[in-house]
Structures are given as C-alpha cells and as structure tokens.
Amino acid sequence: MTTEELVIEMLEMVRENQKSTADLMKSLVLAQASQAEMFKSWLDMFKPPSAPLPSSTADERALAREQIQSGDWEPLDPAIIQEVLNG
C-alpha cells in the first residue's frame, strides 16, 4: 500500500469513529432526556394540588361528633377485654 492509500484509509477510519461517537452521544442525550422526563413525572405525583382541599366548618364537625357519640354502644365482651389486656 502506498502512503496515500494509508492516509485515505486512516481518514475513513477517523470519520467512522467520529460518526459512531456522534451516534453514541445522540443516544446518551436522548436517554438522559427520557430519564429527566421520568423523574419530572415522578416528582409531579408528589406535588400538592393547586386547589385548596375543602375543609369542614365547626358546625359540620360538631354535627359529625354528635352523630358518632349518639350511636348505639354495645358493652364489650369481657373475654375480648382480657385478650387485649393480656396482649
């Protein structure tokens, strides 16, 4: 092989190497962008809602408390009490 042919072959190898390196970098950038989108969507799951949560008024809480307290209560079975106390 002549020197000129060797130089041409070397230039072709350098070009192929640069092309494969560029393809690899492109793949890396795409993978990083995909990963960033995944993390962004994951973090969005933990964002508080933009609208405030509805809260109850003092009257609504008092009414709910009265309804709970006015319910029928049955005495506990002594066996259950002993079982809870004894662990």
PDB file of N, CA and C in Angstrom:
ATOM      1  N   MET A   1       0.840  -1.181   0.000  1.00  0.00           N
ATOM      2  CA  MET A   1       0.000   0.000   0.000  1.00  0.00           C
ATOM      3  C   MET A   1       0.883   1.241   0.000  1.00  0.00           C
ATOM      4  N   THR A   2       0.392   2.191  -0.711  1.00  0.00           N
ATOM      5  CA  THR A   2       1.139   3.439  -0.764  1.00  0.00           C
ATOM      6  C   THR A   2       0.768   4.304   0.427  1.00  0.00           C
ATOM      7  N   THR A   3       1.542   5.319   0.634  1.00  0.00           N
ATOM      8  CA  THR A   3       1.312   6.239   1.736  1.00  0.00           C
ATOM      9  C   THR A   3      -0.027   6.949   1.563  1.00  0.00           C
ATOM     10  N   GLU A   4      -0.317   7.280   0.320  1.00  0.00           N
ATOM     11  CA  GLU A   4      -1.585   7.967   0.041  1.00  0.00           C
ATOM     12  C   GLU A   4      -2.780   7.085   0.391  1.00  0.00           C
ATOM     13  N   GLU A   5      -2.714   5.817   0.058  1.00  0.00           N
ATOM     14  CA  GLU A   5      -3.799   4.882   0.376  1.00  0.00           C
ATOM     15  C   GLU A   5      -3.949   4.716   1.888  1.00  0.00           C
ATOM     16  N   LEU A   6      -2.807   4.666   2.579  1.00  0.00           N
ATOM     17  CA  LEU A   6      -2.853   4.543   4.045  1.00  0.00           C
ATOM     18  C   LEU A   6      -3.498   5.768   4.688  1.00  0.00           C
ATOM     19  N   VAL A   7      -3.180   6.941   4.157  1.00  0.00           N
ATOM     20  CA  VAL A   7      -3.769   8.174   4.686  1.00  0.00           C
ATOM     21  C   VAL A   7      -5.271   8.183   4.434  1.00  0.00           C
ATOM     22  N   ILE A   8      -5.677   7.770   3.242  1.00  0.00           N
ATOM     23  CA  ILE A   8      -7.112   7.716   2.909  1.00  0.00           C
ATOM     24  C   ILE A   8      -7.831   6.730   3.829  1.00  0.00           C
ATOM     25  N   GLU A   9      -7.240   5.578   4.045  1.00  0.00           N
ATOM     26  CA  GLU A   9      -7.839   4.572   4.927  1.00  0.00           C
ATOM     27  C   GLU A   9      -7.928   5.089   6.365  1.00  0.00           C
ATOM     28  N   MET A  10      -6.869   5.771   6.803  1.00  0.00           N
ATOM     29  CA  MET A  10      -6.872   6.323   8.149  1.00  0.00           C
ATOM     30  C   MET A  10      -7.954   7.395   8.294  1.00  0.00           C
ATOM     31  N   LEU A  11      -8.116   8.244   7.283  1.00  0.00           N
ATOM     32  CA  LEU A  11      -9.160   9.278   7.314  1.00  0.00           C
ATOM     33  C   LEU A  11     -10.552   8.650   7.359  1.00  0.00           C
ATOM     34  N   GLU A  12     -10.754   7.576   6.613  1.00  0.00           N
ATOM     35  CA  GLU A  12     -12.032   6.877   6.632  1.00  0.00           C
ATOM     36  C   GLU A  12     -12.310   6.302   8.023  1.00  0.00           C
ATOM     37  N   MET A  13     -11.287   5.744   8.651  1.00  0.00           N
ATOM     38  CA  MET A  13     -11.452   5.199  10.000  1.00  0.00           C
ATOM     39  C   MET A  13     -11.780   6.304  11.003  1.00  0.00           C
ATOM     40  N   VAL A  14     -11.118   7.446  10.857  1.00  0.00           N
ATOM     41  CA  VAL A  14     -11.387   8.575  11.762  1.00  0.00           C
ATOM     42  C   VAL A  14     -12.823   9.061  11.572  1.00  0.00           C
ATOM     43  N   ARG A  15     -13.266   9.160  10.313  1.00  0.00           N
ATOM     44  CA  ARG A  15     -14.651   9.588  10.037  1.00  0.00           C
ATOM     45  C   ARG A  15     -15.658   8.607  10.625  1.00  0.00           C
ATOM     46  N   GLU A  16     -15.421   7.314  10.445  1.00  0.00           N
ATOM     47  CA  GLU A  16     -16.323   6.295  11.010  1.00  0.00           C
ATOM     48  C   GLU A  16     -16.355   6.386  12.540  1.00  0.00           C
ATOM     49  N   ASN A  17     -15.167   6.616  13.109  1.00  0.00           N
ATOM     50  CA  ASN A  17     -15.086   6.747  14.568  1.00  0.00           C
ATOM     51  C   ASN A  17     -15.865   7.971  15.033  1.00  0.00           C
ATOM     52  N   GLN A  18     -15.720   9.089  14.337  1.00  0.00           N
ATOM     53  CA  GLN A  18     -16.444  10.307  14.699  1.00  0.00           C
ATOM     54  C   GLN A  18     -17.954  10.110  14.551  1.00  0.00           C
ATOM     55  N   LYS A  19     -18.370   9.394  13.494  1.00  0.00           N
ATOM     56  CA  LYS A  19     -19.787   9.147  13.274  1.00  0.00           C
ATOM     57  C   LYS A  19     -20.347   8.271  14.387  1.00  0.00           C
ATOM     58  N   SER A  20     -19.628   7.222  14.745  1.00  0.00           N
ATOM     59  CA  SER A  20     -20.127   6.349  15.814  1.00  0.00           C
ATOM     60  C   SER A  20     -20.129   7.077  17.161  1.00  0.00           C
ATOM     61  N   THR A  21     -19.146   7.942  17.377  1.00  0.00           N
ATOM     62  CA  THR A  21     -19.123   8.737  18.610  1.00  0.00           C
ATOM     63  C   THR A  21     -20.300   9.708  18.638  1.00  0.00           C
ATOM     64  N   ALA A  22     -20.608  10.336  17.514  1.00  0.00           N
ATOM     65  CA  ALA A  22     -21.753  11.253  17.430  1.00  0.00           C
ATOM     66  C   ALA A  22     -23.060  10.497  17.662  1.00  0.00           C
ATOM     67  N   ASP A  23     -23.176   9.290  17.083  1.00  0.00           N
ATOM     68  CA  ASP A  23     -24.382   8.476  17.307  1.00  0.00           C
ATOM     69  C   ASP A  23     -24.518   8.095  18.777  1.00  0.00           C
ATOM     70  N   LEU A  24     -23.413   7.746  19.396  1.00  0.00           N
ATOM     71  CA  LEU A  24     -23.428   7.397  20.816  1.00  0.00           C
ATOM     72  C   LEU A  24     -23.845   8.592  21.670  1.00  0.00           C
ATOM     73  N   MET A  25     -23.300   9.762  21.374  1.00  0.00           N
ATOM     74  CA  MET A  25     -23.655  10.976  22.125  1.00  0.00           C
ATOM     75  C   MET A  25     -25.138  11.311  21.952  1.00  0.00           C
ATOM     76  N   LYS A  26     -25.643  11.128  20.736  1.00  0.00           N
ATOM     77  CA  LYS A  26     -27.062  11.381  20.484  1.00  0.00           C
ATOM     78  C   LYS A  26     -27.920  10.431  21.323  1.00  0.00           C
ATOM     79  N   SER A  27     -27.531   9.162  21.362  1.00  0.00           N
ATOM     80  CA  SER A  27     -28.270   8.182  22.171  1.00  0.00           C
ATOM     81  C   SER A  27     -28.219   8.544  23.649  1.00  0.00           C
ATOM     82  N   LEU A  28     -27.049   8.991  24.110  1.00  0.00           N
ATOM     83  CA  LEU A  28     -26.915   9.379  25.510  1.00  0.00           C
ATOM     84  C   LEU A  28     -27.798  10.571  25.847  1.00  0.00           C
ATOM     85  N   VAL A  29     -27.853  11.545  24.952  1.00  0.00           N
ATOM     86  CA  VAL A  29     -28.688  12.727  25.188  1.00  0.00           C
ATOM     87  C   VAL A  29     -30.165  12.334  25.225  1.00  0.00           C
ATOM     88  N   LEU A  30     -30.585  11.472  24.307  1.00  0.00           N
ATOM     89  CA  LEU A  30     -31.974  11.021  24.297  1.00  0.00           C
ATOM     90  C   LEU A  30     -32.314  10.239  25.558  1.00  0.00           C
ATOM     91  N   ALA A  31     -31.389   9.390  25.996  1.00  0.00           N
ATOM     92  CA  ALA A  31     -31.624   8.620  27.222  1.00  0.00           C
ATOM     93  C   ALA A  31     -31.711   9.537  28.428  1.00  0.00           C
ATOM     94  N   GLN A  32     -30.859  10.547  28.482  1.00  0.00           N
ATOM     95  CA  GLN A  32     -30.889  11.480  29.599  1.00  0.00           C
ATOM     96  C   GLN A  32     -32.179  12.296  29.597  1.00  0.00           C
ATOM     97  N   ALA A  33     -32.639  12.703  28.421  1.00  0.00           N
ATOM     98  CA  ALA A  33     -33.895  13.448  28.321  1.00  0.00           C
ATOM     99  C   ALA A  33     -35.069  12.586  28.770  1.00  0.00           C
ATOM    100  N   SER A  34     -35.060  11.321  28.374  1.00  0.00           N
ATOM    101  CA  SER A  34     -36.123  10.408  28.803  1.00  0.00           C
ATOM    102  C   SER A  34     -36.101  10.216  30.308  1.00  0.00           C
ATOM    103  N   GLN A  35     -34.927  10.077  30.865  1.00  0.00           N
ATOM    104  CA  GLN A  35     -34.803   9.905  32.311  1.00  0.00           C
ATOM    105  C   GLN A  35     -35.263  11.161  33.040  1.00  0.00           C
ATOM    106  N   ALA A  36     -34.933  12.325  32.513  1.00  0.00           N
ATOM    107  CA  ALA A  36     -35.377  13.574  33.138  1.00  0.00           C
ATOM    108  C   ALA A  36     -36.897  13.683  33.106  1.00  0.00           C
ATOM    109  N   GLU A  37     -37.520  13.291  32.013  1.00  0.00           N
ATOM    110  CA  GLU A  37     -38.982  13.316  31.923  1.00  0.00           C
ATOM    111  C   GLU A  37     -39.606  12.348  32.918  1.00  0.00           C
ATOM    112  N   MET A  38     -38.978  11.171  33.074  1.00  0.00           N
ATOM    113  CA  MET A  38     -39.493  10.192  34.027  1.00  0.00           C
ATOM    114  C   MET A  38     -39.421  10.753  35.449  1.00  0.00           C
ATOM    115  N   PHE A  39     -38.295  11.346  35.807  1.00  0.00           N
ATOM    116  CA  PHE A  39     -38.156  11.922  37.145  1.00  0.00           C
ATOM    117  C   PHE A  39     -39.130  13.079  37.343  1.00  0.00           C
ATOM    118  N   LYS A  40     -39.326  13.882  36.303  1.00  0.00           N
ATOM    119  CA  LYS A  40     -40.263  15.011  36.401  1.00  0.00           C
ATOM    120  C   LYS A  40     -41.678  14.504  36.651  1.00  0.00           C
ATOM    121  N   SER A  41     -42.089  13.477  35.900  1.00  0.00           N
ATOM    122  CA  SER A  41     -43.438  12.942  36.104  1.00  0.00           C
ATOM    123  C   SER A  41     -43.552  12.287  37.479  1.00  0.00           C
ATOM    124  N   TRP A  42     -42.471  11.669  37.948  1.00  0.00           N
ATOM    125  CA  TRP A  42     -42.480  11.061  39.282  1.00  0.00           C
ATOM    126  C   TRP A  42     -42.616  12.136  40.354  1.00  0.00           C
ATOM    127  N   LEU A  43     -41.895  13.236  40.203  1.00  0.00           N
ATOM    128  CA  LEU A  43     -41.993  14.317  41.178  1.00  0.00           C
ATOM    129  C   LEU A  43     -43.353  15.007  41.131  1.00  0.00           C
ATOM    130  N   ASP A  44     -43.957  15.069  39.943  1.00  0.00           N
ATOM    131  CA  ASP A  44     -45.283  15.680  39.828  1.00  0.00           C
ATOM    132  C   ASP A  44     -46.333  14.918  40.627  1.00  0.00           C
ATOM    133  N   MET A  45     -46.109  13.622  40.850  1.00  0.00           N
ATOM    134  CA  MET A  45     -47.066  12.844  41.645  1.00  0.00           C
ATOM    135  C   MET A  45     -47.118  13.332  43.082  1.00  0.00           C
ATOM    136  N   PHE A  46     -46.040  13.927  43.564  1.00  0.00           N
ATOM    137  CA  PHE A  46     -45.975  14.339  44.964  1.00  0.00           C
ATOM    138  C   PHE A  46     -46.269  15.828  45.156  1.00  0.00           C
ATOM    139  N   LYS A  47     -46.621  16.514  44.077  1.00  0.00           N
ATOM    140  CA  LYS A  47     -46.956  17.928  44.163  1.00  0.00           C
ATOM    141  C   LYS A  47     -48.309  18.096  44.845  1.00  0.00           C
ATOM    142  N   PRO A  48     -48.425  19.055  45.740  1.00  0.00           N
ATOM    143  CA  PRO A  48     -49.745  19.274  46.332  1.00  0.00           C
ATOM    144  C   PRO A  48     -50.703  19.817  45.264  1.00  0.00           C
ATOM    145  N   PRO A  49     -51.983  19.551  45.434  1.00  0.00           N
ATOM    146  CA  PRO A  49     -52.938  20.038  44.430  1.00  0.00           C
ATOM    147  C   PRO A  49     -52.980  21.559  44.426  1.00  0.00           C
ATOM    148  N   SER A  50     -53.285  22.128  43.265  1.00  0.00           N
ATOM    149  CA  SER A  50     -53.317  23.580  43.161  1.00  0.00           C
ATOM    150  C   SER A  50     -54.543  24.163  43.849  1.00  0.00           C
ATOM    151  N   ALA A  51     -55.632  23.430  43.837  1.00  0.00           N
ATOM    152  CA  ALA A  51     -56.845  23.908  44.515  1.00  0.00           C
ATOM    153  C   ALA A  51     -56.778  23.508  45.990  1.00  0.00           C
ATOM    154  N   PRO A  52     -57.200  24.384  46.870  1.00  0.00           N
ATOM    155  CA  PRO A  52     -57.170  24.012  48.285  1.00  0.00           C
ATOM    156  C   PRO A  52     -58.165  22.889  48.577  1.00  0.00           C
ATOM    157  N   LEU A  53     -57.795  22.059  49.511  1.00  0.00           N
ATOM    158  CA  LEU A  53     -58.685  20.969  49.889  1.00  0.00           C
ATOM    159  C   LEU A  53     -59.878  21.530  50.654  1.00  0.00           C
ATOM    160  N   PRO A  54     -61.070  21.001  50.405  1.00  0.00           N
ATOM    161  CA  PRO A  54     -62.232  21.516  51.128  1.00  0.00           C
ATOM    162  C   PRO A  54     -62.141  21.150  52.607  1.00  0.00           C
ATOM    163  N   SER A  55     -62.420  22.106  53.443  1.00  0.00           N
ATOM    164  CA  SER A  55     -62.380  21.831  54.874  1.00  0.00           C
ATOM    165  C   SER A  55     -63.790  21.908  55.439  1.00  0.00           C
ATOM    166  N   SER A  56     -63.970  21.301  56.568  1.00  0.00           N
ATOM    167  CA  SER A  56     -65.285  21.315  57.202  1.00  0.00           C
ATOM    168  C   SER A  56     -65.393  22.519  58.134  1.00  0.00           C
ATOM    169  N   THR A  57     -66.606  22.944  58.333  1.00  0.00           N
ATOM    170  CA  THR A  57     -66.838  24.061  59.245  1.00  0.00           C
ATOM    171  C   THR A  57     -66.963  23.514  60.656  1.00  0.00           C
ATOM    172  N   ALA A  58     -66.919  24.405  61.620  1.00  0.00           N
ATOM    173  CA  ALA A  58     -67.068  23.984  63.018  1.00  0.00           C
ATOM    174  C   ALA A  58     -68.420  23.339  63.250  1.00  0.00           C
ATOM    175  N   ASP A  59     -69.458  23.840  62.594  1.00  0.00           N
ATOM    176  CA  ASP A  59     -70.803  23.253  62.747  1.00  0.00           C
ATOM    177  C   ASP A  59     -70.852  21.843  62.173  1.00  0.00           C
ATOM    178  N   GLU A  60     -70.220  21.637  61.012  1.00  0.00           N
ATOM    179  CA  GLU A  60     -70.201  20.296  60.408  1.00  0.00           C
ATOM    180  C   GLU A  60     -69.452  19.310  61.297  1.00  0.00           C
ATOM    181  N   ARG A  61     -68.346  19.754  61.882  1.00  0.00           N
ATOM    182  CA  ARG A  61     -67.586  18.867  62.777  1.00  0.00           C
ATOM    183  C   ARG A  61     -68.387  18.548  64.033  1.00  0.00           C
ATOM    184  N   ALA A  62     -69.076  19.536  64.582  1.00  0.00           N
ATOM    185  CA  ALA A  62     -69.898  19.301  65.781  1.00  0.00           C
ATOM    186  C   ALA A  62     -71.023  18.325  65.467  1.00  0.00           C
ATOM    187  N   LEU A  63     -71.662  18.486  64.309  1.00  0.00           N
ATOM    188  CA  LEU A  63     -72.737  17.568  63.917  1.00  0.00           C
ATOM    189  C   LEU A  63     -72.204  16.151  63.751  1.00  0.00           C
ATOM    190  N   ALA A  64     -71.053  15.995  63.105  1.00  0.00           N
ATOM    191  CA  ALA A  64     -70.458  14.667  62.923  1.00  0.00           C
ATOM    192  C   ALA A  64     -70.103  14.048  64.270  1.00  0.00           C
ATOM    193  N   ARG A  65     -69.562  14.856  65.180  1.00  0.00           N
ATOM    194  CA  ARG A  65     -69.216  14.369  66.512  1.00  0.00           C
ATOM    195  C   ARG A  65     -70.466  13.906  67.256  1.00  0.00           C
ATOM    196  N   GLU A  66     -71.550  14.679  67.159  1.00  0.00           N
ATOM    197  CA  GLU A  66     -72.809  14.295  67.824  1.00  0.00           C
ATOM    198  C   GLU A  66     -73.351  12.994  67.255  1.00  0.00           C
ATOM    199  N   GLN A  67     -73.283  12.844  65.930  1.00  0.00           N
ATOM    200  CA  GLN A  67     -73.783  11.618  65.308  1.00  0.00           C
ATOM    201  C   GLN A  67     -72.984  10.403  65.769  1.00  0.00           C
ATOM    202  N   ILE A  68     -71.684  10.578  65.888  1.00  0.00           N
ATOM    203  CA  ILE A  68     -70.840   9.459  66.342  1.00  0.00           C
ATOM    204  C   ILE A  68     -71.141   9.129  67.794  1.00  0.00           C
ATOM    205  N   GLN A  69     -71.249  10.156  68.620  1.00  0.00           N
ATOM    206  CA  GLN A  69     -71.468   9.929  70.054  1.00  0.00           C
ATOM    207  C   GLN A  69     -72.875   9.442  70.360  1.00  0.00           C
ATOM    208  N   SER A  70     -73.854   9.751  69.512  1.00  0.00           N
ATOM    209  CA  SER A  70     -75.228   9.330  69.790  1.00  0.00           C
ATOM    210  C   SER A  70     -75.506   7.918  69.299  1.00  0.00           C
ATOM    211  N   GLY A  71     -74.561   7.279  68.692  1.00  0.00           N
ATOM    212  CA  GLY A  71     -74.757   5.927  68.186  1.00  0.00           C
ATOM    213  C   GLY A  71     -74.960   4.939  69.322  1.00  0.00           C
ATOM    214  N   ASP A  72     -75.553   3.813  68.992  1.00  0.00           N
ATOM    215  CA  ASP A  72     -75.781   2.769  70.000  1.00  0.00           C
ATOM    216  C   ASP A  72     -74.470   2.091  70.334  1.00  0.00           C
ATOM    217  N   TRP A  73     -74.206   2.019  71.631  1.00  0.00           N
ATOM    218  CA  TRP A  73     -72.986   1.387  72.108  1.00  0.00           C
ATOM    219  C   TRP A  73     -73.348   0.068  72.760  1.00  0.00           C
ATOM    220  N   GLU A  74     -72.667  -0.963  72.368  1.00  0.00           N
ATOM    221  CA  GLU A  74     -72.874  -2.273  72.990  1.00  0.00           C
ATOM    222  C   GLU A  74     -71.725  -2.526  73.944  1.00  0.00           C
ATOM    223  N   PRO A  75     -71.987  -3.149  75.076  1.00  0.00           N
ATOM    224  CA  PRO A  75     -70.895  -3.430  76.004  1.00  0.00           C
ATOM    225  C   PRO A  75     -69.909  -4.433  75.377  1.00  0.00           C
ATOM    226  N   LEU A  76     -68.649  -4.255  75.727  1.00  0.00           N
ATOM    227  CA  LEU A  76     -67.622  -5.167  75.224  1.00  0.00           C
ATOM    228  C   LEU A  76     -67.685  -6.484  75.970  1.00  0.00           C
ATOM    229  N   ASP A  77     -67.377  -7.522  75.264  1.00  0.00           N
ATOM    230  CA  ASP A  77     -67.330  -8.847  75.855  1.00  0.00           C
ATOM    231  C   ASP A  77     -66.118  -8.910  76.784  1.00  0.00           C
ATOM    232  N   PRO A  78     -66.279  -9.363  78.018  1.00  0.00           N
ATOM    233  CA  PRO A  78     -65.130  -9.430  78.942  1.00  0.00           C
ATOM    234  C   PRO A  78     -63.968 -10.270  78.410  1.00  0.00           C
ATOM    235  N   ALA A  79     -64.259 -11.265  77.592  1.00  0.00           N
ATOM    236  CA  ALA A  79     -63.187 -12.090  77.027  1.00  0.00           C
ATOM    237  C   ALA A  79     -62.294 -11.255  76.093  1.00  0.00           C
ATOM    238  N   ILE A  80     -62.915 -10.390  75.348  1.00  0.00           N
ATOM    239  CA  ILE A  80     -62.158  -9.525  74.430  1.00  0.00           C
ATOM    240  C   ILE A  80     -61.306  -8.555  75.231  1.00  0.00           C
ATOM    241  N   ILE A  81     -61.850  -8.013  76.322  1.00  0.00           N
ATOM    242  CA  ILE A  81     -61.102  -7.079  77.159  1.00  0.00           C
ATOM    243  C   ILE A  81     -59.862  -7.794  77.728  1.00  0.00           C
ATOM    244  N   GLN A  82     -60.059  -9.005  78.255  1.00  0.00           N
ATOM    245  CA  GLN A  82     -58.929  -9.754  78.821  1.00  0.00           C
ATOM    246  C   GLN A  82     -57.894 -10.071  77.758  1.00  0.00           C
ATOM    247  N   GLU A  83     -58.354 -10.405  76.562  1.00  0.00           N
ATOM    248  CA  GLU A  83     -57.417 -10.727  75.485  1.00  0.00           C
ATOM    249  C   GLU A  83     -56.579  -9.497  75.107  1.00  0.00           C
ATOM    250  N   VAL A  84     -57.198  -8.318  75.039  1.00  0.00           N
ATOM    251  CA  VAL A  84     -56.468  -7.095  74.708  1.00  0.00           C
ATOM    252  C   VAL A  84     -55.500  -6.727  75.815  1.00  0.00           C
ATOM    253  N   LEU A  85     -55.936  -6.861  77.068  1.00  0.00           N
ATOM    254  CA  LEU A  85     -55.083  -6.514  78.211  1.00  0.00           C
ATOM    255  C   LEU A  85     -53.903  -7.465  78.347  1.00  0.00           C
ATOM    256  N   ASN A  86     -54.114  -8.724  78.047  1.00  0.00           N
ATOM    257  CA  ASN A  86     -53.036  -9.710  78.190  1.00  0.00           C
ATOM    258  C   ASN A  86     -52.123  -9.767  76.961  1.00  0.00           C
ATOM    259  N   GLY A  87     -52.478  -9.065  75.928  1.00  0.00           N
ATOM    260  CA  GLY A  87     -51.621  -8.991  74.743  1.00  0.00           C
ATOM    261  C   GLY A  87     -51.828 -10.157  73.863  1.00  0.00           C
TER     262      GLY A  87
END
